[in-house]
Amino acid sequence: MSTATFVVAATGSDVLNVIAAFAGGLLIAGALVWAVRLGIRVMDQESPHPRPDEQPKLPQSGPVREIREVREPDEVPVAAGRKRLMPYEIHQSGTRRGKDQQRKRWLPGSSGSFGSGGAGRV
């Protein structure tokens, strides 16, 4: 900015607006500098990153692969002679491995997805 701009700003009736904008800019810049210094201080207090020899290693058997299987819902046992089952009377898993492990496929002639506008199964 040139001195002519400052002269025009100082002679106008908006001197307080210019001073307030300048002070606001200084306040924001100071807050940003403070935030960066605080972040650096916090990073210095953290534990250092692990060294390359401390990094996790692959198991001896190689990488672990995912298992794909078809699951079926497990039936909830019926309480005999009582009102309800307690949580400790139900086993852990809510599903079991299905007898048929073939993936379900779309039937030929079906719409392929819900709400696609097709005729669907006929």
PDB file of N, CA and C in Angstrom:
ATOM      1  N   MET A   1       0.848  -1.184   0.000  1.00  0.00           N
ATOM      2  CA  MET A   1       0.000   0.000   0.000  1.00  0.00           C
ATOM      3  C   MET A   1       0.888   1.239   0.000  1.00  0.00           C
ATOM      4  N   SER A   2       0.427   2.240  -0.675  1.00  0.00           N
ATOM      5  CA  SER A   2       1.212   3.469  -0.751  1.00  0.00           C
ATOM      6  C   SER A   2       0.793   4.408   0.377  1.00  0.00           C
ATOM      7  N   THR A   3       1.597   5.461   0.556  1.00  0.00           N
ATOM      8  CA  THR A   3       1.273   6.435   1.600  1.00  0.00           C
ATOM      9  C   THR A   3       0.024   7.222   1.258  1.00  0.00           C
ATOM     10  N   ALA A   4      -0.288   7.341  -0.045  1.00  0.00           N
ATOM     11  CA  ALA A   4      -1.509   8.049  -0.432  1.00  0.00           C
ATOM     12  C   ALA A   4      -2.754   7.326   0.101  1.00  0.00           C
ATOM     13  N   THR A   5      -2.710   6.023   0.118  1.00  0.00           N
ATOM     14  CA  THR A   5      -3.843   5.252   0.636  1.00  0.00           C
ATOM     15  C   THR A   5      -4.009   5.507   2.126  1.00  0.00           C
ATOM     16  N   PHE A   6      -2.886   5.557   2.853  1.00  0.00           N
ATOM     17  CA  PHE A   6      -2.958   5.840   4.278  1.00  0.00           C
ATOM     18  C   PHE A   6      -3.457   7.253   4.544  1.00  0.00           C
ATOM     19  N   VAL A   7      -3.053   8.182   3.714  1.00  0.00           N
ATOM     20  CA  VAL A   7      -3.496   9.565   3.895  1.00  0.00           C
ATOM     21  C   VAL A   7      -4.999   9.657   3.680  1.00  0.00           C
ATOM     22  N   VAL A   8      -5.488   8.996   2.632  1.00  0.00           N
ATOM     23  CA  VAL A   8      -6.931   9.028   2.359  1.00  0.00           C
ATOM     24  C   VAL A   8      -7.690   8.348   3.492  1.00  0.00           C
ATOM     25  N   ALA A   9      -7.148   7.222   3.983  1.00  0.00           N
ATOM     26  CA  ALA A   9      -7.817   6.501   5.065  1.00  0.00           C
ATOM     27  C   ALA A   9      -7.800   7.309   6.352  1.00  0.00           C
ATOM     28  N   ALA A  10      -6.700   8.032   6.600  1.00  0.00           N
ATOM     29  CA  ALA A  10      -6.589   8.802   7.838  1.00  0.00           C
ATOM     30  C   ALA A  10      -7.431  10.059   7.809  1.00  0.00           C
ATOM     31  N   THR A  11      -7.621  10.646   6.655  1.00  0.00           N
ATOM     32  CA  THR A  11      -8.385  11.879   6.580  1.00  0.00           C
ATOM     33  C   THR A  11      -9.876  11.628   6.506  1.00  0.00           C
ATOM     34  N   GLY A  12     -10.273  10.433   6.162  1.00  0.00           N
ATOM     35  CA  GLY A  12     -11.701  10.133   6.053  1.00  0.00           C
ATOM     36  C   GLY A  12     -12.323   9.937   7.424  1.00  0.00           C
ATOM     37  N   SER A  13     -13.646   9.793   7.411  1.00  0.00           N
ATOM     38  CA  SER A  13     -14.365   9.616   8.674  1.00  0.00           C
ATOM     39  C   SER A  13     -14.315   8.166   9.158  1.00  0.00           C
ATOM     40  N   ASP A  14     -13.714   7.283   8.365  1.00  0.00           N
ATOM     41  CA  ASP A  14     -13.664   5.872   8.711  1.00  0.00           C
ATOM     42  C   ASP A  14     -12.334   5.470   9.339  1.00  0.00           C
ATOM     43  N   VAL A  15     -11.693   6.390  10.044  1.00  0.00           N
ATOM     44  CA  VAL A  15     -10.391   6.110  10.648  1.00  0.00           C
ATOM     45  C   VAL A  15     -10.520   4.984  11.670  1.00  0.00           C
ATOM     46  N   LEU A  16     -11.567   5.040  12.461  1.00  0.00           N
ATOM     47  CA  LEU A  16     -11.735   4.010  13.483  1.00  0.00           C
ATOM     48  C   LEU A  16     -11.966   2.641  12.845  1.00  0.00           C
ATOM     49  N   ASN A  17     -12.662   2.595  11.717  1.00  0.00           N
ATOM     50  CA  ASN A  17     -12.883   1.323  11.032  1.00  0.00           C
ATOM     51  C   ASN A  17     -11.564   0.735  10.525  1.00  0.00           C
ATOM     52  N   VAL A  18     -10.694   1.583   9.995  1.00  0.00           N
ATOM     53  CA  VAL A  18      -9.400   1.116   9.494  1.00  0.00           C
ATOM     54  C   VAL A  18      -8.540   0.619  10.647  1.00  0.00           C
ATOM     55  N   ILE A  19      -8.533   1.362  11.741  1.00  0.00           N
ATOM     56  CA  ILE A  19      -7.742   0.953  12.906  1.00  0.00           C
ATOM     57  C   ILE A  19      -8.292  -0.357  13.468  1.00  0.00           C
ATOM     58  N   ALA A  20      -9.611  -0.496  13.534  1.00  0.00           N
ATOM     59  CA  ALA A  20     -10.221  -1.730  14.058  1.00  0.00           C
ATOM     60  C   ALA A  20      -9.902  -2.923  13.155  1.00  0.00           C
ATOM     61  N   ALA A  21      -9.923  -2.725  11.845  1.00  0.00           N
ATOM     62  CA  ALA A  21      -9.598  -3.810  10.927  1.00  0.00           C
ATOM     63  C   ALA A  21      -8.130  -4.212  11.070  1.00  0.00           C
ATOM     64  N   PHE A  22      -7.253  -3.237  11.213  1.00  0.00           N
ATOM     65  CA  PHE A  22      -5.833  -3.528  11.389  1.00  0.00           C
ATOM     66  C   PHE A  22      -5.586  -4.267  12.706  1.00  0.00           C
ATOM     67  N   ALA A  23      -6.225  -3.811  13.768  1.00  0.00           N
ATOM     68  CA  ALA A  23      -6.070  -4.464  15.067  1.00  0.00           C
ATOM     69  C   ALA A  23      -6.644  -5.886  15.023  1.00  0.00           C
ATOM     70  N   GLY A  24      -7.757  -6.074  14.331  1.00  0.00           N
ATOM     71  CA  GLY A  24      -8.333  -7.414  14.192  1.00  0.00           C
ATOM     72  C   GLY A  24      -7.408  -8.344  13.437  1.00  0.00           C
ATOM     73  N   GLY A  25      -6.776  -7.829  12.383  1.00  0.00           N
ATOM     74  CA  GLY A  25      -5.809  -8.632  11.636  1.00  0.00           C
ATOM     75  C   GLY A  25      -4.617  -9.020  12.487  1.00  0.00           C
ATOM     76  N   LEU A  26      -4.119  -8.083  13.288  1.00  0.00           N
ATOM     77  CA  LEU A  26      -3.014  -8.393  14.194  1.00  0.00           C
ATOM     78  C   LEU A  26      -3.430  -9.432  15.233  1.00  0.00           C
ATOM     79  N   LEU A  27      -4.649  -9.340  15.730  1.00  0.00           N
ATOM     80  CA  LEU A  27      -5.138 -10.290  16.712  1.00  0.00           C
ATOM     81  C   LEU A  27      -5.222 -11.705  16.113  1.00  0.00           C
ATOM     82  N   ILE A  28      -5.750 -11.802  14.917  1.00  0.00           N
ATOM     83  CA  ILE A  28      -5.863 -13.112  14.258  1.00  0.00           C
ATOM     84  C   ILE A  28      -4.479 -13.684  13.961  1.00  0.00           C
ATOM     85  N   ALA A  29      -3.562 -12.844  13.471  1.00  0.00           N
ATOM     86  CA  ALA A  29      -2.205 -13.323  13.191  1.00  0.00           C
ATOM     87  C   ALA A  29      -1.522 -13.792  14.473  1.00  0.00           C
ATOM     88  N   GLY A  30      -1.698 -13.053  15.553  1.00  0.00           N
ATOM     89  CA  GLY A  30      -1.115 -13.456  16.839  1.00  0.00           C
ATOM     90  C   GLY A  30      -1.704 -14.765  17.341  1.00  0.00           C
ATOM     91  N   ALA A  31      -3.019 -14.957  17.156  1.00  0.00           N
ATOM     92  CA  ALA A  31      -3.658 -16.208  17.576  1.00  0.00           C
ATOM     93  C   ALA A  31      -3.125 -17.392  16.765  1.00  0.00           C
ATOM     94  N   LEU A  32      -2.888 -17.199  15.476  1.00  0.00           N
ATOM     95  CA  LEU A  32      -2.344 -18.266  14.646  1.00  0.00           C
ATOM     96  C   LEU A  32      -0.914 -18.628  15.061  1.00  0.00           C
ATOM     97  N   VAL A  33      -0.108 -17.621  15.340  1.00  0.00           N
ATOM     98  CA  VAL A  33       1.269 -17.874  15.783  1.00  0.00           C
ATOM     99  C   VAL A  33       1.248 -18.625  17.113  1.00  0.00           C
ATOM    100  N   TRP A  34       0.371 -18.228  18.036  1.00  0.00           N
ATOM    101  CA  TRP A  34       0.259 -18.894  19.323  1.00  0.00           C
ATOM    102  C   TRP A  34      -0.171 -20.353  19.143  1.00  0.00           C
ATOM    103  N   ALA A  35      -1.117 -20.619  18.242  1.00  0.00           N
ATOM    104  CA  ALA A  35      -1.603 -21.983  18.018  1.00  0.00           C
ATOM    105  C   ALA A  35      -0.499 -22.868  17.442  1.00  0.00           C
ATOM    106  N   VAL A  36       0.298 -22.331  16.533  1.00  0.00           N
ATOM    107  CA  VAL A  36       1.389 -23.112  15.957  1.00  0.00           C
ATOM    108  C   VAL A  36       2.440 -23.421  17.028  1.00  0.00           C
ATOM    109  N   ARG A  37       2.784 -22.453  17.853  1.00  0.00           N
ATOM    110  CA  ARG A  37       3.772 -22.685  18.907  1.00  0.00           C
ATOM    111  C   ARG A  37       3.264 -23.686  19.929  1.00  0.00           C
ATOM    112  N   LEU A  38       1.957 -23.633  20.242  1.00  0.00           N
ATOM    113  CA  LEU A  38       1.365 -24.604  21.165  1.00  0.00           C
ATOM    114  C   LEU A  38       1.413 -26.011  20.561  1.00  0.00           C
ATOM    115  N   GLY A  39       1.107 -26.127  19.276  1.00  0.00           N
ATOM    116  CA  GLY A  39       1.168 -27.426  18.605  1.00  0.00           C
ATOM    117  C   GLY A  39       2.565 -28.003  18.591  1.00  0.00           C
ATOM    118  N   ILE A  40       3.558 -27.173  18.363  1.00  0.00           N
ATOM    119  CA  ILE A  40       4.951 -27.632  18.372  1.00  0.00           C
ATOM    120  C   ILE A  40       5.338 -28.096  19.768  1.00  0.00           C
ATOM    121  N   ARG A  41       4.897 -27.364  20.802  1.00  0.00           N
ATOM    122  CA  ARG A  41       5.210 -27.740  22.177  1.00  0.00           C
ATOM    123  C   ARG A  41       4.565 -29.086  22.538  1.00  0.00           C
ATOM    124  N   VAL A  42       3.333 -29.300  22.098  1.00  0.00           N
ATOM    125  CA  VAL A  42       2.643 -30.563  22.373  1.00  0.00           C
ATOM    126  C   VAL A  42       3.340 -31.712  21.645  1.00  0.00           C
ATOM    127  N   MET A  43       3.749 -31.493  20.398  1.00  0.00           N
ATOM    128  CA  MET A  43       4.446 -32.540  19.649  1.00  0.00           C
ATOM    129  C   MET A  43       5.782 -32.897  20.292  1.00  0.00           C
ATOM    130  N   ASP A  44       6.458 -31.922  20.883  1.00  0.00           N
ATOM    131  CA  ASP A  44       7.731 -32.196  21.544  1.00  0.00           C
ATOM    132  C   ASP A  44       7.548 -33.051  22.790  1.00  0.00           C
ATOM    133  N   GLN A  45       6.381 -32.969  23.446  1.00  0.00           N
ATOM    134  CA  GLN A  45       6.131 -33.731  24.665  1.00  0.00           C
ATOM    135  C   GLN A  45       5.680 -35.162  24.367  1.00  0.00           C
ATOM    136  N   GLU A  46       5.254 -35.451  23.134  1.00  0.00           N
ATOM    137  CA  GLU A  46       4.801 -36.796  22.784  1.00  0.00           C
ATOM    138  C   GLU A  46       5.980 -37.748  22.681  1.00  0.00           C
ATOM    139  N   SER A  47       5.670 -39.043  22.795  1.00  0.00           N
ATOM    140  CA  SER A  47       6.731 -40.034  22.648  1.00  0.00           C
ATOM    141  C   SER A  47       7.178 -40.074  21.189  1.00  0.00           C
ATOM    142  N   PRO A  48       8.426 -40.420  20.951  1.00  0.00           N
ATOM    143  CA  PRO A  48       8.925 -40.424  19.564  1.00  0.00           C
ATOM    144  C   PRO A  48       8.304 -41.558  18.749  1.00  0.00           C
ATOM    145  N   HIS A  49       8.360 -41.427  17.445  1.00  0.00           N
ATOM    146  CA  HIS A  49       7.860 -42.458  16.544  1.00  0.00           C
ATOM    147  C   HIS A  49       8.706 -43.716  16.684  1.00  0.00           C
ATOM    148  N   PRO A  50       8.117 -44.893  16.457  1.00  0.00           N
ATOM    149  CA  PRO A  50       8.907 -46.116  16.586  1.00  0.00           C
ATOM    150  C   PRO A  50       9.988 -46.200  15.521  1.00  0.00           C
ATOM    151  N   ARG A  51      11.107 -46.787  15.903  1.00  0.00           N
ATOM    152  CA  ARG A  51      12.202 -46.982  14.960  1.00  0.00           C
ATOM    153  C   ARG A  51      11.831 -48.092  13.985  1.00  0.00           C
ATOM    154  N   PRO A  52      12.550 -48.208  12.870  1.00  0.00           N
ATOM    155  CA  PRO A  52      12.224 -49.262  11.895  1.00  0.00           C
ATOM    156  C   PRO A  52      12.292 -50.668  12.476  1.00  0.00           C
ATOM    157  N   ASP A  53      13.201 -50.920  13.415  1.00  0.00           N
ATOM    158  CA  ASP A  53      13.276 -52.258  13.990  1.00  0.00           C
ATOM    159  C   ASP A  53      12.152 -52.528  14.993  1.00  0.00           C
ATOM    160  N   GLU A  54      11.447 -51.475  15.417  1.00  0.00           N
ATOM    161  CA  GLU A  54      10.323 -51.639  16.337  1.00  0.00           C
ATOM    162  C   GLU A  54       8.979 -51.754  15.612  1.00  0.00           C
ATOM    163  N   GLN A  55       8.981 -51.669  14.298  1.00  0.00           N
ATOM    164  CA  GLN A  55       7.740 -51.747  13.525  1.00  0.00           C
ATOM    165  C   GLN A  55       7.184 -53.171  13.556  1.00  0.00           C
ATOM    166  N   PRO A  56       5.849 -53.337  13.390  1.00  0.00           N
ATOM    167  CA  PRO A  56       5.275 -54.683  13.376  1.00  0.00           C
ATOM    168  C   PRO A  56       5.799 -55.503  12.204  1.00  0.00           C
ATOM    169  N   LYS A  57       5.935 -56.788  12.428  1.00  0.00           N
ATOM    170  CA  LYS A  57       6.442 -57.702  11.401  1.00  0.00           C
ATOM    171  C   LYS A  57       5.353 -58.684  11.003  1.00  0.00           C
ATOM    172  N   LEU A  58       5.471 -59.254   9.790  1.00  0.00           N
ATOM    173  CA  LEU A  58       4.546 -60.282   9.334  1.00  0.00           C
ATOM    174  C   LEU A  58       4.769 -61.563  10.129  1.00  0.00           C
ATOM    175  N   PRO A  59       3.704 -62.329  10.361  1.00  0.00           N
ATOM    176  CA  PRO A  59       3.902 -63.625  11.017  1.00  0.00           C
ATOM    177  C   PRO A  59       4.727 -64.558  10.133  1.00  0.00           C
ATOM    178  N   GLN A  60       5.290 -65.602  10.757  1.00  0.00           N
ATOM    179  CA  GLN A  60       6.114 -66.549  10.012  1.00  0.00           C
ATOM    180  C   GLN A  60       5.314 -67.255   8.927  1.00  0.00           C
ATOM    181  N   SER A  61       4.004 -67.449   9.153  1.00  0.00           N
ATOM    182  CA  SER A  61       3.163 -68.153   8.180  1.00  0.00           C
ATOM    183  C   SER A  61       2.742 -67.266   7.015  1.00  0.00           C
ATOM    184  N   GLY A  62       3.103 -65.999   7.027  1.00  0.00           N
ATOM    185  CA  GLY A  62       2.732 -65.096   5.944  1.00  0.00           C
ATOM    186  C   GLY A  62       1.546 -64.231   6.334  1.00  0.00           C
ATOM    187  N   PRO A  63       1.046 -63.429   5.395  1.00  0.00           N
ATOM    188  CA  PRO A  63      -0.060 -62.529   5.724  1.00  0.00           C
ATOM    189  C   PRO A  63      -1.338 -63.312   6.035  1.00  0.00           C
ATOM    190  N   VAL A  64      -2.139 -62.752   6.910  1.00  0.00           N
ATOM    191  CA  VAL A  64      -3.399 -63.377   7.291  1.00  0.00           C
ATOM    192  C   VAL A  64      -4.439 -63.017   6.240  1.00  0.00           C
ATOM    193  N   ARG A  65      -5.151 -64.015   5.750  1.00  0.00           N
ATOM    194  CA  ARG A  65      -6.172 -63.793   4.724  1.00  0.00           C
ATOM    195  C   ARG A  65      -7.548 -63.828   5.360  1.00  0.00           C
ATOM    196  N   GLU A  66      -8.501 -63.189   4.704  1.00  0.00           N
ATOM    197  CA  GLU A  66      -9.868 -63.227   5.219  1.00  0.00           C
ATOM    198  C   GLU A  66     -10.549 -64.515   4.764  1.00  0.00           C
ATOM    199  N   ILE A  67     -11.502 -64.952   5.551  1.00  0.00           N
ATOM    200  CA  ILE A  67     -12.257 -66.157   5.239  1.00  0.00           C
ATOM    201  C   ILE A  67     -13.649 -65.736   4.823  1.00  0.00           C
ATOM    202  N   ARG A  68     -14.076 -66.216   3.652  1.00  0.00           N
ATOM    203  CA  ARG A  68     -15.428 -65.939   3.194  1.00  0.00           C
ATOM    204  C   ARG A  68     -16.287 -67.151   3.445  1.00  0.00           C
ATOM    205  N   GLU A  69     -17.384 -66.923   4.129  1.00  0.00           N
ATOM    206  CA  GLU A  69     -18.316 -68.004   4.346  1.00  0.00           C
ATOM    207  C   GLU A  69     -19.718 -67.434   4.469  1.00  0.00           C
ATOM    208  N   VAL A  70     -20.689 -68.263   4.151  1.00  0.00           N
ATOM    209  CA  VAL A  70     -22.083 -67.873   4.264  1.00  0.00           C
ATOM    210  C   VAL A  70     -22.525 -68.170   5.688  1.00  0.00           C
ATOM    211  N   ARG A  71     -23.096 -67.177   6.364  1.00  0.00           N
ATOM    212  CA  ARG A  71     -23.533 -67.333   7.738  1.00  0.00           C
ATOM    213  C   ARG A  71     -25.059 -67.396   7.777  1.00  0.00           C
ATOM    214  N   GLU A  72     -25.594 -68.136   8.711  1.00  0.00           N
ATOM    215  CA  GLU A  72     -27.038 -68.240   8.918  1.00  0.00           C
ATOM    216  C   GLU A  72     -27.353 -67.763  10.329  1.00  0.00           C
ATOM    217  N   PRO A  73     -28.531 -67.163  10.527  1.00  0.00           N
ATOM    218  CA  PRO A  73     -28.870 -66.740  11.882  1.00  0.00           C
ATOM    219  C   PRO A  73     -29.084 -67.934  12.794  1.00  0.00           C
ATOM    220  N   ASP A  74     -28.649 -67.791  14.009  1.00  0.00           N
ATOM    221  CA  ASP A  74     -28.811 -68.843  14.992  1.00  0.00           C
ATOM    222  C   ASP A  74     -30.131 -68.595  15.717  1.00  0.00           C
ATOM    223  N   GLU A  75     -30.903 -69.635  15.902  1.00  0.00           N
ATOM    224  CA  GLU A  75     -32.184 -69.495  16.571  1.00  0.00           C
ATOM    225  C   GLU A  75     -31.971 -69.240  18.058  1.00  0.00           C
ATOM    226  N   VAL A  76     -32.812 -68.382  18.612  1.00  0.00           N
ATOM    227  CA  VAL A  76     -32.747 -68.097  20.032  1.00  0.00           C
ATOM    228  C   VAL A  76     -33.470 -69.230  20.758  1.00  0.00           C
ATOM    229  N   PRO A  77     -32.849 -69.847  21.747  1.00  0.00           N
ATOM    230  CA  PRO A  77     -33.517 -70.935  22.440  1.00  0.00           C
ATOM    231  C   PRO A  77     -34.740 -70.439  23.201  1.00  0.00           C
ATOM    232  N   VAL A  78     -35.752 -71.301  23.288  1.00  0.00           N
ATOM    233  CA  VAL A  78     -36.990 -70.949  23.975  1.00  0.00           C
ATOM    234  C   VAL A  78     -36.852 -71.331  25.438  1.00  0.00           C
ATOM    235  N   ALA A  79     -37.273 -70.439  26.319  1.00  0.00           N
ATOM    236  CA  ALA A  79     -37.207 -70.711  27.745  1.00  0.00           C
ATOM    237  C   ALA A  79     -38.313 -71.689  28.112  1.00  0.00           C
ATOM    238  N   ALA A  80     -37.950 -72.783  28.721  1.00  0.00           N
ATOM    239  CA  ALA A  80     -38.929 -73.805  29.091  1.00  0.00           C
ATOM    240  C   ALA A  80     -39.479 -73.515  30.473  1.00  0.00           C
ATOM    241  N   GLY A  81     -40.778 -73.178  30.544  1.00  0.00           N
ATOM    242  CA  GLY A  81     -41.452 -72.979  31.817  1.00  0.00           C
ATOM    243  C   GLY A  81     -41.141 -71.676  32.515  1.00  0.00           C
ATOM    244  N   ARG A  82     -40.358 -70.783  31.880  1.00  0.00           N
ATOM    245  CA  ARG A  82     -40.051 -69.492  32.495  1.00  0.00           C
ATOM    246  C   ARG A  82     -40.489 -68.375  31.563  1.00  0.00           C
ATOM    247  N   LYS A  83     -40.443 -67.165  32.052  1.00  0.00           N
ATOM    248  CA  LYS A  83     -40.892 -66.034  31.243  1.00  0.00           C
ATOM    249  C   LYS A  83     -39.885 -65.646  30.171  1.00  0.00           C
ATOM    250  N   ARG A  84     -38.608 -65.596  30.526  1.00  0.00           N
ATOM    251  CA  ARG A  84     -37.602 -65.154  29.562  1.00  0.00           C
ATOM    252  C   ARG A  84     -36.249 -65.737  29.886  1.00  0.00           C
ATOM    253  N   LEU A  85     -35.370 -65.690  28.882  1.00  0.00           N
ATOM    254  CA  LEU A  85     -33.993 -66.139  29.064  1.00  0.00           C
ATOM    255  C   LEU A  85     -33.136 -64.998  29.580  1.00  0.00           C
ATOM    256  N   MET A  86     -32.161 -65.325  30.381  1.00  0.00           N
ATOM    257  CA  MET A  86     -31.220 -64.335  30.857  1.00  0.00           C
ATOM    258  C   MET A  86     -30.045 -64.269  29.877  1.00  0.00           C
ATOM    259  N   PRO A  87     -29.329 -63.158  29.786  1.00  0.00           N
ATOM    260  CA  PRO A  87     -28.244 -63.023  28.813  1.00  0.00           C
ATOM    261  C   PRO A  87     -27.159 -64.087  28.947  1.00  0.00           C
ATOM    262  N   TYR A  88     -26.888 -64.560  30.144  1.00  0.00           N
ATOM    263  CA  TYR A  88     -25.838 -65.570  30.306  1.00  0.00           C
ATOM    264  C   TYR A  88     -26.289 -66.949  29.835  1.00  0.00           C
ATOM    265  N   GLU A  89     -27.577 -67.111  29.535  1.00  0.00           N
ATOM    266  CA  GLU A  89     -28.078 -68.393  29.052  1.00  0.00           C
ATOM    267  C   GLU A  89     -28.024 -68.507  27.531  1.00  0.00           C
ATOM    268  N   ILE A  90     -27.690 -67.431  26.854  1.00  0.00           N
ATOM    269  CA  ILE A  90     -27.587 -67.425  25.397  1.00  0.00           C
ATOM    270  C   ILE A  90     -26.107 -67.476  25.043  1.00  0.00           C
ATOM    271  N   HIS A  91     -25.730 -68.303  24.068  1.00  0.00           N
ATOM    272  CA  HIS A  91     -24.311 -68.416  23.735  1.00  0.00           C
ATOM    273  C   HIS A  91     -23.828 -67.178  22.981  1.00  0.00           C
ATOM    274  N   GLN A  92     -22.534 -67.102  22.775  1.00  0.00           N
ATOM    275  CA  GLN A  92     -21.882 -65.887  22.294  1.00  0.00           C
ATOM    276  C   GLN A  92     -22.312 -65.428  20.910  1.00  0.00           C
ATOM    277  N   SER A  93     -22.218 -66.307  19.931  1.00  0.00           N
ATOM    278  CA  SER A  93     -22.403 -65.878  18.555  1.00  0.00           C
ATOM    279  C   SER A  93     -23.872 -65.898  18.159  1.00  0.00           C
ATOM    280  N   GLY A  94     -24.303 -64.920  17.400  1.00  0.00           N
ATOM    281  CA  GLY A  94     -25.677 -64.867  16.922  1.00  0.00           C
ATOM    282  C   GLY A  94     -25.851 -65.529  15.575  1.00  0.00           C
ATOM    283  N   THR A  95     -24.758 -66.015  14.986  1.00  0.00           N
ATOM    284  CA  THR A  95     -24.834 -66.687  13.694  1.00  0.00           C
ATOM    285  C   THR A  95     -24.005 -67.954  13.731  1.00  0.00           C
ATOM    286  N   ARG A  96     -24.244 -68.815  12.761  1.00  0.00           N
ATOM    287  CA  ARG A  96     -23.456 -70.037  12.627  1.00  0.00           C
ATOM    288  C   ARG A  96     -23.114 -70.230  11.163  1.00  0.00           C
ATOM    289  N   ARG A  97     -22.160 -71.093  10.903  1.00  0.00           N
ATOM    290  CA  ARG A  97     -21.754 -71.367   9.530  1.00  0.00           C
ATOM    291  C   ARG A  97     -22.883 -72.090   8.824  1.00  0.00           C
ATOM    292  N   GLY A  98     -23.234 -71.632   7.624  1.00  0.00           N
ATOM    293  CA  GLY A  98     -24.331 -72.223   6.877  1.00  0.00           C
ATOM    294  C   GLY A  98     -23.952 -73.566   6.270  1.00  0.00           C
ATOM    295  N   LYS A  99     -24.964 -74.408   6.053  1.00  0.00           N
ATOM    296  CA  LYS A  99     -24.717 -75.711   5.432  1.00  0.00           C
ATOM    297  C   LYS A  99     -24.371 -75.546   3.962  1.00  0.00           C
ATOM    298  N   ASP A 100     -25.063 -74.641   3.273  1.00  0.00           N
ATOM    299  CA  ASP A 100     -24.825 -74.391   1.852  1.00  0.00           C
ATOM    300  C   ASP A 100     -23.873 -73.205   1.725  1.00  0.00           C
ATOM    301  N   GLN A 101     -22.666 -73.444   1.225  1.00  0.00           N
ATOM    302  CA  GLN A 101     -21.672 -72.388   1.104  1.00  0.00           C
ATOM    303  C   GLN A 101     -21.646 -71.760  -0.287  1.00  0.00           C
ATOM    304  N   GLN A 102     -22.599 -72.067  -1.144  1.00  0.00           N
ATOM    305  CA  GLN A 102     -22.693 -71.445  -2.465  1.00  0.00           C
ATOM    306  C   GLN A 102     -23.296 -70.057  -2.317  1.00  0.00           C
ATOM    307  N   ARG A 103     -22.679 -69.082  -2.951  1.00  0.00           N
ATOM    308  CA  ARG A 103     -23.192 -67.717  -2.874  1.00  0.00           C
ATOM    309  C   ARG A 103     -24.497 -67.602  -3.635  1.00  0.00           C
ATOM    310  N   LYS A 104     -25.415 -66.840  -3.095  1.00  0.00           N
ATOM    311  CA  LYS A 104     -26.686 -66.624  -3.750  1.00  0.00           C
ATOM    312  C   LYS A 104     -26.474 -65.650  -4.917  1.00  0.00           C
ATOM    313  N   ARG A 105     -27.013 -65.980  -6.079  1.00  0.00           N
ATOM    314  CA  ARG A 105     -26.882 -65.145  -7.273  1.00  0.00           C
ATOM    315  C   ARG A 105     -28.250 -64.664  -7.704  1.00  0.00           C
ATOM    316  N   TRP A 106     -28.241 -63.593  -8.484  1.00  0.00           N
ATOM    317  CA  TRP A 106     -29.501 -63.093  -9.018  1.00  0.00           C
ATOM    318  C   TRP A 106     -30.060 -64.094 -10.024  1.00  0.00           C
ATOM    319  N   LEU A 107     -31.353 -64.207 -10.007  1.00  0.00           N
ATOM    320  CA  LEU A 107     -32.004 -65.088 -10.971  1.00  0.00           C
ATOM    321  C   LEU A 107     -32.095 -64.389 -12.320  1.00  0.00           C
ATOM    322  N   PRO A 108     -31.949 -65.115 -13.428  1.00  0.00           N
ATOM    323  CA  PRO A 108     -32.100 -64.484 -14.735  1.00  0.00           C
ATOM    324  C   PRO A 108     -33.519 -63.936 -14.881  1.00  0.00           C
ATOM    325  N   GLY A 109     -33.623 -62.741 -15.419  1.00  0.00           N
ATOM    326  CA  GLY A 109     -34.928 -62.118 -15.610  1.00  0.00           C
ATOM    327  C   GLY A 109     -35.397 -61.286 -14.434  1.00  0.00           C
ATOM    328  N   SER A 110     -34.650 -61.306 -13.336  1.00  0.00           N
ATOM    329  CA  SER A 110     -35.053 -60.474 -12.199  1.00  0.00           C
ATOM    330  C   SER A 110     -34.507 -59.067 -12.406  1.00  0.00           C
ATOM    331  N   SER A 111     -35.004 -58.145 -11.619  1.00  0.00           N
ATOM    332  CA  SER A 111     -34.661 -56.744 -11.828  1.00  0.00           C
ATOM    333  C   SER A 111     -33.217 -56.439 -11.448  1.00  0.00           C
ATOM    334  N   GLY A 112     -32.664 -57.144 -10.522  1.00  0.00           N
ATOM    335  CA  GLY A 112     -31.269 -56.912 -10.151  1.00  0.00           C
ATOM    336  C   GLY A 112     -31.096 -56.054  -8.928  1.00  0.00           C
ATOM    337  N   SER A 113     -32.037 -55.180  -8.652  1.00  0.00           N
ATOM    338  CA  SER A 113     -31.955 -54.387  -7.438  1.00  0.00           C
ATOM    339  C   SER A 113     -33.341 -53.862  -7.106  1.00  0.00           C
ATOM    340  N   PHE A 114     -33.508 -53.486  -5.871  1.00  0.00           N
ATOM    341  CA  PHE A 114     -34.801 -53.004  -5.430  1.00  0.00           C
ATOM    342  C   PHE A 114     -35.070 -51.618  -6.003  1.00  0.00           C
ATOM    343  N   GLY A 115     -36.238 -51.421  -6.536  1.00  0.00           N
ATOM    344  CA  GLY A 115     -36.649 -50.110  -7.003  1.00  0.00           C
ATOM    345  C   GLY A 115     -36.045 -49.678  -8.323  1.00  0.00           C
ATOM    346  N   SER A 116     -35.565 -50.621  -9.146  1.00  0.00           N
ATOM    347  CA  SER A 116     -34.941 -50.236 -10.391  1.00  0.00           C
ATOM    348  C   SER A 116     -35.959 -49.946 -11.489  1.00  0.00           C
ATOM    349  N   GLY A 117     -37.212 -50.243 -11.212  1.00  0.00           N
ATOM    350  CA  GLY A 117     -38.236 -49.962 -12.208  1.00  0.00           C
ATOM    351  C   GLY A 117     -38.481 -51.121 -13.145  1.00  0.00           C
ATOM    352  N   GLY A 118     -37.724 -52.185 -13.009  1.00  0.00           N
ATOM    353  CA  GLY A 118     -37.909 -53.331 -13.880  1.00  0.00           C
ATOM    354  C   GLY A 118     -39.132 -54.139 -13.489  1.00  0.00           C
ATOM    355  N   ALA A 119     -39.423 -55.150 -14.271  1.00  0.00           N
ATOM    356  CA  ALA A 119     -40.605 -55.972 -14.019  1.00  0.00           C
ATOM    357  C   ALA A 119     -40.399 -56.873 -12.830  1.00  0.00           C
ATOM    358  N   GLY A 120     -39.168 -57.158 -12.475  1.00  0.00           N
ATOM    359  CA  GLY A 120     -38.900 -58.026 -11.341  1.00  0.00           C
ATOM    360  C   GLY A 120     -39.118 -59.466 -11.734  1.00  0.00           C
ATOM    361  N   ARG A 121     -39.363 -60.291 -10.732  1.00  0.00           N
ATOM    362  CA  ARG A 121     -39.609 -61.711 -11.006  1.00  0.00           C
ATOM    363  C   ARG A 121     -41.011 -61.893 -11.499  1.00  0.00           C
ATOM    364  N   VAL A 122     -41.142 -62.682 -12.544  1.00  0.00           N
ATOM    365  CA  VAL A 122     -42.470 -62.956 -13.096  1.00  0.00           C
ATOM    366  C   VAL A 122     -42.755 -64.428 -13.114  1.00  0.00           C
TER     367      VAL A 122
END
